Structures are given as C-alpha cells and as structure tokens.
Amino acid sequence: MSSDDNAGRRASPGAPAGGGGRRRKDIQGLRAVCMMQVLAYHAWRVGSPVGVDAFIMISAYLMTGSFVRRTEAGRMPFFAE
C-alpha cells in the first residue's frame, strides 16, 4: 500500500497510526494476574474463582474494541468472514 492509499482513512481514537495492533501491557498484565489466580484456585483451592469472571470480562472488552475498530475501518469482524 502506498502512502496515498492511507490518505483517506481516518484513524480511530486510541488506534495506532500504522494500522497495526497495539498491545496494552497494563491490560495484558491484568489478564495474567487473573490467570494466575485461576490456576492457584484450581490447583490448591487458594482464593476464589472470581479470576475466571475477571478474565472473561477483560477478554470481552479487548475483543469488542477489536470488532469496533475493524468495523470502523470498513472490514468485517474476523468471525463473520
């Protein structure tokens, strides 16, 4: 793609200028903490199973953002292709 091809595209807020995915290290860290809590609960019954709910909610937030960005860019979400 040339630079002229990208001239008409509008970048969505929070999206990187290059069009590639940007990893949110803070949210990925939260997901890692949740997974550690889930593993500890299932292996040694330490804590509570709340980590499962938190992991699912964080993942749903990330997936929804991905779907919205793809739709705004005029592409179908990957599950509908």
PDB file of N, CA and C in Angstrom:
ATOM      1  N   MET A   1       0.827  -1.177   0.000  1.00  0.00           N
ATOM      2  CA  MET A   1       0.000   0.000   0.000  1.00  0.00           C
ATOM      3  C   MET A   1       0.872   1.241   0.000  1.00  0.00           C
ATOM      4  N   SER A   2       0.530   2.167  -0.834  1.00  0.00           N
ATOM      5  CA  SER A   2       1.293   3.406  -0.853  1.00  0.00           C
ATOM      6  C   SER A   2       0.745   4.355   0.188  1.00  0.00           C
ATOM      7  N   SER A   3       1.458   5.445   0.418  1.00  0.00           N
ATOM      8  CA  SER A   3       1.000   6.427   1.394  1.00  0.00           C
ATOM      9  C   SER A   3      -0.273   7.111   0.919  1.00  0.00           C
ATOM     10  N   ASP A   4      -0.507   7.152  -0.415  1.00  0.00           N
ATOM     11  CA  ASP A   4      -1.729   7.753  -0.942  1.00  0.00           C
ATOM     12  C   ASP A   4      -2.959   6.921  -0.599  1.00  0.00           C
ATOM     13  N   ASP A   5      -2.787   5.592  -0.498  1.00  0.00           N
ATOM     14  CA  ASP A   5      -3.905   4.721  -0.153  1.00  0.00           C
ATOM     15  C   ASP A   5      -4.415   4.984   1.253  1.00  0.00           C
ATOM     16  N   ASN A   6      -3.526   5.371   2.148  1.00  0.00           N
ATOM     17  CA  ASN A   6      -3.899   5.616   3.537  1.00  0.00           C
ATOM     18  C   ASN A   6      -4.356   7.048   3.782  1.00  0.00           C
ATOM     19  N   ALA A   7      -4.273   7.910   2.787  1.00  0.00           N
ATOM     20  CA  ALA A   7      -4.582   9.327   2.988  1.00  0.00           C
ATOM     21  C   ALA A   7      -6.045   9.550   3.339  1.00  0.00           C
ATOM     22  N   GLY A   8      -6.953   8.764   2.771  1.00  0.00           N
ATOM     23  CA  GLY A   8      -8.375   8.976   3.012  1.00  0.00           C
ATOM     24  C   GLY A   8      -8.889   8.315   4.269  1.00  0.00           C
ATOM     25  N   ARG A   9      -8.104   7.487   4.906  1.00  0.00           N
ATOM     26  CA  ARG A   9      -8.550   6.781   6.106  1.00  0.00           C
ATOM     27  C   ARG A   9      -8.471   7.678   7.319  1.00  0.00           C
ATOM     28  N   ARG A  10      -9.468   7.548   8.166  1.00  0.00           N
ATOM     29  CA  ARG A  10      -9.491   8.304   9.413  1.00  0.00           C
ATOM     30  C   ARG A  10      -9.110   7.362  10.546  1.00  0.00           C
ATOM     31  N   ALA A  11      -8.129   7.739  11.321  1.00  0.00           N
ATOM     32  CA  ALA A  11      -7.704   6.912  12.443  1.00  0.00           C
ATOM     33  C   ALA A  11      -8.694   7.057  13.584  1.00  0.00           C
ATOM     34  N   SER A  12      -9.043   5.930  14.189  1.00  0.00           N
ATOM     35  CA  SER A  12      -9.950   5.985  15.329  1.00  0.00           C
ATOM     36  C   SER A  12      -9.157   6.357  16.574  1.00  0.00           C
ATOM     37  N   PRO A  13      -9.813   6.987  17.555  1.00  0.00           N
ATOM     38  CA  PRO A  13      -9.102   7.379  18.772  1.00  0.00           C
ATOM     39  C   PRO A  13      -8.511   6.162  19.473  1.00  0.00           C
ATOM     40  N   GLY A  14      -7.283   6.282  19.874  1.00  0.00           N
ATOM     41  CA  GLY A  14      -6.624   5.197  20.584  1.00  0.00           C
ATOM     42  C   GLY A  14      -5.982   4.175  19.670  1.00  0.00           C
ATOM     43  N   ALA A  15      -6.256   4.237  18.375  1.00  0.00           N
ATOM     44  CA  ALA A  15      -5.663   3.297  17.438  1.00  0.00           C
ATOM     45  C   ALA A  15      -4.305   3.819  16.994  1.00  0.00           C
ATOM     46  N   PRO A  16      -3.356   2.932  16.792  1.00  0.00           N
ATOM     47  CA  PRO A  16      -2.049   3.377  16.328  1.00  0.00           C
ATOM     48  C   PRO A  16      -2.131   3.891  14.903  1.00  0.00           C
ATOM     49  N   ALA A  17      -1.237   4.803  14.555  1.00  0.00           N
ATOM     50  CA  ALA A  17      -1.259   5.430  13.236  1.00  0.00           C
ATOM     51  C   ALA A  17      -0.916   4.437  12.134  1.00  0.00           C
ATOM     52  N   GLY A  18      -0.101   3.432  12.414  1.00  0.00           N
ATOM     53  CA  GLY A  18       0.334   2.499  11.394  1.00  0.00           C
ATOM     54  C   GLY A  18      -0.697   1.466  11.012  1.00  0.00           C
ATOM     55  N   GLY A  19      -1.797   1.365  11.740  1.00  0.00           N
ATOM     56  CA  GLY A  19      -2.833   0.404  11.413  1.00  0.00           C
ATOM     57  C   GLY A  19      -2.630  -0.950  12.075  1.00  0.00           C
ATOM     58  N   GLY A  20      -1.456  -1.214  12.624  1.00  0.00           N
ATOM     59  CA  GLY A  20      -1.220  -2.477  13.294  1.00  0.00           C
ATOM     60  C   GLY A  20      -1.781  -2.468  14.707  1.00  0.00           C
ATOM     61  N   GLY A  21      -1.888  -3.637  15.293  1.00  0.00           N
ATOM     62  CA  GLY A  21      -2.430  -3.736  16.640  1.00  0.00           C
ATOM     63  C   GLY A  21      -1.433  -3.241  17.677  1.00  0.00           C
ATOM     64  N   ARG A  22      -1.941  -2.583  18.694  1.00  0.00           N
ATOM     65  CA  ARG A  22      -1.092  -2.108  19.776  1.00  0.00           C
ATOM     66  C   ARG A  22      -1.435  -2.907  21.013  1.00  0.00           C
ATOM     67  N   ARG A  23      -0.447  -3.485  21.640  1.00  0.00           N
ATOM     68  CA  ARG A  23      -0.686  -4.264  22.847  1.00  0.00           C
ATOM     69  C   ARG A  23      -0.764  -3.348  24.053  1.00  0.00           C
ATOM     70  N   ARG A  24      -1.791  -3.539  24.845  1.00  0.00           N
ATOM     71  CA  ARG A  24      -1.938  -2.799  26.089  1.00  0.00           C
ATOM     72  C   ARG A  24      -1.305  -3.642  27.188  1.00  0.00           C
ATOM     73  N   LYS A  25      -0.093  -3.303  27.579  1.00  0.00           N
ATOM     74  CA  LYS A  25       0.623  -4.098  28.562  1.00  0.00           C
ATOM     75  C   LYS A  25      -0.065  -4.084  29.916  1.00  0.00           C
ATOM     76  N   ASP A  26      -0.749  -2.984  30.250  1.00  0.00           N
ATOM     77  CA  ASP A  26      -1.437  -2.944  31.529  1.00  0.00           C
ATOM     78  C   ASP A  26      -2.601  -3.931  31.555  1.00  0.00           C
ATOM     79  N   ILE A  27      -3.365  -3.983  30.474  1.00  0.00           N
ATOM     80  CA  ILE A  27      -4.492  -4.915  30.434  1.00  0.00           C
ATOM     81  C   ILE A  27      -4.001  -6.354  30.297  1.00  0.00           C
ATOM     82  N   GLN A  28      -2.948  -6.572  29.520  1.00  0.00           N
ATOM     83  CA  GLN A  28      -2.392  -7.917  29.406  1.00  0.00           C
ATOM     84  C   GLN A  28      -1.864  -8.392  30.767  1.00  0.00           C
ATOM     85  N   GLY A  29      -1.311  -7.460  31.550  1.00  0.00           N
ATOM     86  CA  GLY A  29      -0.858  -7.797  32.899  1.00  0.00           C
ATOM     87  C   GLY A  29      -2.016  -8.196  33.797  1.00  0.00           C
ATOM     88  N   LEU A  30      -3.133  -7.477  33.690  1.00  0.00           N
ATOM     89  CA  LEU A  30      -4.328  -7.842  34.462  1.00  0.00           C
ATOM     90  C   LEU A  30      -4.812  -9.237  34.086  1.00  0.00           C
ATOM     91  N   ARG A  31      -4.809  -9.535  32.798  1.00  0.00           N
ATOM     92  CA  ARG A  31      -5.218 -10.867  32.355  1.00  0.00           C
ATOM     93  C   ARG A  31      -4.285 -11.937  32.922  1.00  0.00           C
ATOM     94  N   ALA A  32      -2.993 -11.641  32.958  1.00  0.00           N
ATOM     95  CA  ALA A  32      -2.032 -12.603  33.506  1.00  0.00           C
ATOM     96  C   ALA A  32      -2.278 -12.834  34.995  1.00  0.00           C
ATOM     97  N   VAL A  33      -2.559 -11.762  35.730  1.00  0.00           N
ATOM     98  CA  VAL A  33      -2.849 -11.901  37.159  1.00  0.00           C
ATOM     99  C   VAL A  33      -4.100 -12.754  37.361  1.00  0.00           C
ATOM    100  N   CYS A  34      -5.119 -12.510  36.554  1.00  0.00           N
ATOM    101  CA  CYS A  34      -6.355 -13.302  36.648  1.00  0.00           C
ATOM    102  C   CYS A  34      -6.080 -14.776  36.371  1.00  0.00           C
ATOM    103  N   MET A  35      -5.277 -15.052  35.347  1.00  0.00           N
ATOM    104  CA  MET A  35      -4.966 -16.446  35.031  1.00  0.00           C
ATOM    105  C   MET A  35      -4.185 -17.118  36.150  1.00  0.00           C
ATOM    106  N   MET A  36      -3.270 -16.380  36.772  1.00  0.00           N
ATOM    107  CA  MET A  36      -2.518 -16.946  37.901  1.00  0.00           C
ATOM    108  C   MET A  36      -3.466 -17.270  39.054  1.00  0.00           C
ATOM    109  N   GLN A  37      -4.437 -16.387  39.288  1.00  0.00           N
ATOM    110  CA  GLN A  37      -5.407 -16.616  40.357  1.00  0.00           C
ATOM    111  C   GLN A  37      -6.265 -17.842  40.043  1.00  0.00           C
ATOM    112  N   VAL A  38      -6.671 -17.986  38.785  1.00  0.00           N
ATOM    113  CA  VAL A  38      -7.474 -19.143  38.382  1.00  0.00           C
ATOM    114  C   VAL A  38      -6.665 -20.432  38.571  1.00  0.00           C
ATOM    115  N   LEU A  39      -5.405 -20.411  38.134  1.00  0.00           N
ATOM    116  CA  LEU A  39      -4.559 -21.593  38.294  1.00  0.00           C
ATOM    117  C   LEU A  39      -4.359 -21.940  39.765  1.00  0.00           C
ATOM    118  N   ALA A  40      -4.125 -20.938  40.597  1.00  0.00           N
ATOM    119  CA  ALA A  40      -3.944 -21.187  42.029  1.00  0.00           C
ATOM    120  C   ALA A  40      -5.218 -21.756  42.649  1.00  0.00           C
ATOM    121  N   TYR A  41      -6.360 -21.246  42.239  1.00  0.00           N
ATOM    122  CA  TYR A  41      -7.626 -21.735  42.789  1.00  0.00           C
ATOM    123  C   TYR A  41      -7.857 -23.193  42.404  1.00  0.00           C
ATOM    124  N   HIS A  42      -7.634 -23.516  41.138  1.00  0.00           N
ATOM    125  CA  HIS A  42      -7.898 -24.877  40.690  1.00  0.00           C
ATOM    126  C   HIS A  42      -6.855 -25.873  41.184  1.00  0.00           C
ATOM    127  N   ALA A  43      -5.636 -25.430  41.352  1.00  0.00           N
ATOM    128  CA  ALA A  43      -4.577 -26.349  41.789  1.00  0.00           C
ATOM    129  C   ALA A  43      -4.576 -26.560  43.299  1.00  0.00           C
ATOM    130  N   TRP A  44      -4.737 -25.470  44.073  1.00  0.00           N
ATOM    131  CA  TRP A  44      -4.595 -25.587  45.523  1.00  0.00           C
ATOM    132  C   TRP A  44      -5.788 -25.053  46.309  1.00  0.00           C
ATOM    133  N   ARG A  45      -6.855 -24.669  45.634  1.00  0.00           N
ATOM    134  CA  ARG A  45      -8.039 -24.085  46.276  1.00  0.00           C
ATOM    135  C   ARG A  45      -7.675 -22.856  47.109  1.00  0.00           C
ATOM    136  N   VAL A  46      -6.775 -22.034  46.551  1.00  0.00           N
ATOM    137  CA  VAL A  46      -6.359 -20.795  47.188  1.00  0.00           C
ATOM    138  C   VAL A  46      -7.148 -19.658  46.548  1.00  0.00           C
ATOM    139  N   GLY A  47      -7.813 -18.839  47.339  1.00  0.00           N
ATOM    140  CA  GLY A  47      -8.564 -17.709  46.797  1.00  0.00           C
ATOM    141  C   GLY A  47      -9.970 -18.113  46.395  1.00  0.00           C
ATOM    142  N   SER A  48     -10.486 -17.420  45.401  1.00  0.00           N
ATOM    143  CA  SER A  48     -11.838 -17.697  44.933  1.00  0.00           C
ATOM    144  C   SER A  48     -11.838 -17.745  43.411  1.00  0.00           C
ATOM    145  N   PRO A  49     -12.918 -18.267  42.805  1.00  0.00           N
ATOM    146  CA  PRO A  49     -12.961 -18.374  41.341  1.00  0.00           C
ATOM    147  C   PRO A  49     -13.325 -17.063  40.641  1.00  0.00           C
ATOM    148  N   VAL A  50     -13.209 -15.928  41.318  1.00  0.00           N
ATOM    149  CA  VAL A  50     -13.529 -14.637  40.731  1.00  0.00           C
ATOM    150  C   VAL A  50     -12.587 -14.318  39.561  1.00  0.00           C
ATOM    151  N   GLY A  51     -11.399 -14.866  39.555  1.00  0.00           N
ATOM    152  CA  GLY A  51     -10.444 -14.626  38.475  1.00  0.00           C
ATOM    153  C   GLY A  51     -10.988 -15.042  37.120  1.00  0.00           C
ATOM    154  N   VAL A  52     -11.816 -16.083  37.090  1.00  0.00           N
ATOM    155  CA  VAL A  52     -12.412 -16.536  35.835  1.00  0.00           C
ATOM    156  C   VAL A  52     -13.314 -15.440  35.274  1.00  0.00           C
ATOM    157  N   ASP A  53     -14.175 -14.889  36.113  1.00  0.00           N
ATOM    158  CA  ASP A  53     -15.080 -13.826  35.679  1.00  0.00           C
ATOM    159  C   ASP A  53     -14.311 -12.596  35.208  1.00  0.00           C
ATOM    160  N   ALA A  54     -13.287 -12.222  35.956  1.00  0.00           N
ATOM    161  CA  ALA A  54     -12.494 -11.050  35.586  1.00  0.00           C
ATOM    162  C   ALA A  54     -11.777 -11.284  34.260  1.00  0.00           C
ATOM    163  N   PHE A  55     -11.214 -12.480  34.064  1.00  0.00           N
ATOM    164  CA  PHE A  55     -10.527 -12.800  32.817  1.00  0.00           C
ATOM    165  C   PHE A  55     -11.482 -12.723  31.640  1.00  0.00           C
ATOM    166  N   ILE A  56     -12.677 -13.267  31.793  1.00  0.00           N
ATOM    167  CA  ILE A  56     -13.659 -13.251  30.707  1.00  0.00           C
ATOM    168  C   ILE A  56     -14.088 -11.830  30.386  1.00  0.00           C
ATOM    169  N   MET A  57     -14.309 -11.001  31.397  1.00  0.00           N
ATOM    170  CA  MET A  57     -14.724  -9.617  31.166  1.00  0.00           C
ATOM    171  C   MET A  57     -13.625  -8.805  30.467  1.00  0.00           C
ATOM    172  N   ILE A  58     -12.380  -8.984  30.893  1.00  0.00           N
ATOM    173  CA  ILE A  58     -11.263  -8.263  30.266  1.00  0.00           C
ATOM    174  C   ILE A  58     -11.111  -8.711  28.811  1.00  0.00           C
ATOM    175  N   SER A  59     -11.218 -10.014  28.562  1.00  0.00           N
ATOM    176  CA  SER A  59     -11.110 -10.519  27.197  1.00  0.00           C
ATOM    177  C   SER A  59     -12.246 -10.008  26.325  1.00  0.00           C
ATOM    178  N   ALA A  60     -13.454  -9.959  26.878  1.00  0.00           N
ATOM    179  CA  ALA A  60     -14.599  -9.437  26.121  1.00  0.00           C
ATOM    180  C   ALA A  60     -14.391  -7.962  25.774  1.00  0.00           C
ATOM    181  N   TYR A  61     -13.838  -7.195  26.697  1.00  0.00           N
ATOM    182  CA  TYR A  61     -13.536  -5.780  26.442  1.00  0.00           C
ATOM    183  C   TYR A  61     -12.554  -5.642  25.278  1.00  0.00           C
ATOM    184  N   LEU A  62     -11.497  -6.441  25.287  1.00  0.00           N
ATOM    185  CA  LEU A  62     -10.498  -6.369  24.215  1.00  0.00           C
ATOM    186  C   LEU A  62     -11.083  -6.799  22.872  1.00  0.00           C
ATOM    187  N   MET A  63     -11.893  -7.854  22.861  1.00  0.00           N
ATOM    188  CA  MET A  63     -12.483  -8.329  21.615  1.00  0.00           C
ATOM    189  C   MET A  63     -13.485  -7.321  21.057  1.00  0.00           C
ATOM    190  N   THR A  64     -14.285  -6.710  21.930  1.00  0.00           N
ATOM    191  CA  THR A  64     -15.246  -5.711  21.474  1.00  0.00           C
ATOM    192  C   THR A  64     -14.527  -4.529  20.830  1.00  0.00           C
ATOM    193  N   GLY A  65     -13.452  -4.071  21.452  1.00  0.00           N
ATOM    194  CA  GLY A  65     -12.666  -2.986  20.869  1.00  0.00           C
ATOM    195  C   GLY A  65     -12.115  -3.362  19.500  1.00  0.00           C
ATOM    196  N   SER A  66     -11.664  -4.602  19.362  1.00  0.00           N
ATOM    197  CA  SER A  66     -11.149  -5.079  18.089  1.00  0.00           C
ATOM    198  C   SER A  66     -12.243  -5.089  17.024  1.00  0.00           C
ATOM    199  N   PHE A  67     -13.429  -5.570  17.397  1.00  0.00           N
ATOM    200  CA  PHE A  67     -14.548  -5.614  16.449  1.00  0.00           C
ATOM    201  C   PHE A  67     -14.949  -4.202  16.019  1.00  0.00           C
ATOM    202  N   VAL A  68     -14.991  -3.280  16.955  1.00  0.00           N
ATOM    203  CA  VAL A  68     -15.383  -1.898  16.638  1.00  0.00           C
ATOM    204  C   VAL A  68     -14.369  -1.261  15.696  1.00  0.00           C
ATOM    205  N   ARG A  69     -13.067  -1.447  15.980  1.00  0.00           N
ATOM    206  CA  ARG A  69     -12.041  -0.868  15.104  1.00  0.00           C
ATOM    207  C   ARG A  69     -12.115  -1.441  13.699  1.00  0.00           C
ATOM    208  N   ARG A  70     -12.335  -2.756  13.580  1.00  0.00           N
ATOM    209  CA  ARG A  70     -12.434  -3.369  12.250  1.00  0.00           C
ATOM    210  C   ARG A  70     -13.659  -2.854  11.504  1.00  0.00           C
ATOM    211  N   THR A  71     -14.772  -2.709  12.206  1.00  0.00           N
ATOM    212  CA  THR A  71     -15.993  -2.221  11.577  1.00  0.00           C
ATOM    213  C   THR A  71     -15.832  -0.775  11.133  1.00  0.00           C
ATOM    214  N   GLU A  72     -15.209   0.061  11.960  1.00  0.00           N
ATOM    215  CA  GLU A  72     -14.971   1.458  11.585  1.00  0.00           C
ATOM    216  C   GLU A  72     -14.049   1.573  10.381  1.00  0.00           C
ATOM    217  N   ALA A  73     -13.158   0.612  10.229  1.00  0.00           N
ATOM    218  CA  ALA A  73     -12.236   0.622   9.095  1.00  0.00           C
ATOM    219  C   ALA A  73     -12.880   0.044   7.835  1.00  0.00           C
ATOM    220  N   GLY A  74     -14.148  -0.394   7.940  1.00  0.00           N
ATOM    221  CA  GLY A  74     -14.848  -0.924   6.778  1.00  0.00           C
ATOM    222  C   GLY A  74     -14.617  -2.397   6.526  1.00  0.00           C
ATOM    223  N   ARG A  75     -14.079  -3.105   7.509  1.00  0.00           N
ATOM    224  CA  ARG A  75     -13.841  -4.535   7.376  1.00  0.00           C
ATOM    225  C   ARG A  75     -14.798  -5.294   8.285  1.00  0.00           C
ATOM    226  N   MET A  76     -15.082  -6.510   7.930  1.00  0.00           N
ATOM    227  CA  MET A  76     -15.950  -7.364   8.753  1.00  0.00           C
ATOM    228  C   MET A  76     -15.116  -7.935   9.905  1.00  0.00           C
ATOM    229  N   PRO A  77     -15.736  -8.123  11.078  1.00  0.00           N
ATOM    230  CA  PRO A  77     -15.028  -8.829  12.149  1.00  0.00           C
ATOM    231  C   PRO A  77     -14.626 -10.228  11.669  1.00  0.00           C
ATOM    232  N   PHE A  78     -13.531 -10.750  12.193  1.00  0.00           N
ATOM    233  CA  PHE A  78     -12.971 -11.990  11.678  1.00  0.00           C
ATOM    234  C   PHE A  78     -13.923 -13.163  11.755  1.00  0.00           C
ATOM    235  N   PHE A  79     -14.863 -13.194  12.692  1.00  0.00           N
ATOM    236  CA  PHE A  79     -15.763 -14.325  12.814  1.00  0.00           C
ATOM    237  C   PHE A  79     -16.851 -14.333  11.734  1.00  0.00           C
ATOM    238  N   ALA A  80     -17.036 -13.204  11.031  1.00  0.00           N
ATOM    239  CA  ALA A  80     -18.075 -13.098  10.005  1.00  0.00           C
ATOM    240  C   ALA A  80     -17.518 -13.252   8.599  1.00  0.00           C
ATOM    241  N   GLU A  81     -16.225 -13.467   8.461  1.00  0.00           N
ATOM    242  CA  GLU A  81     -15.618 -13.567   7.138  1.00  0.00           C
ATOM    243  C   GLU A  81     -15.837 -14.933   6.537  1.00  0.00           C
TER     244      GLU A  81
END
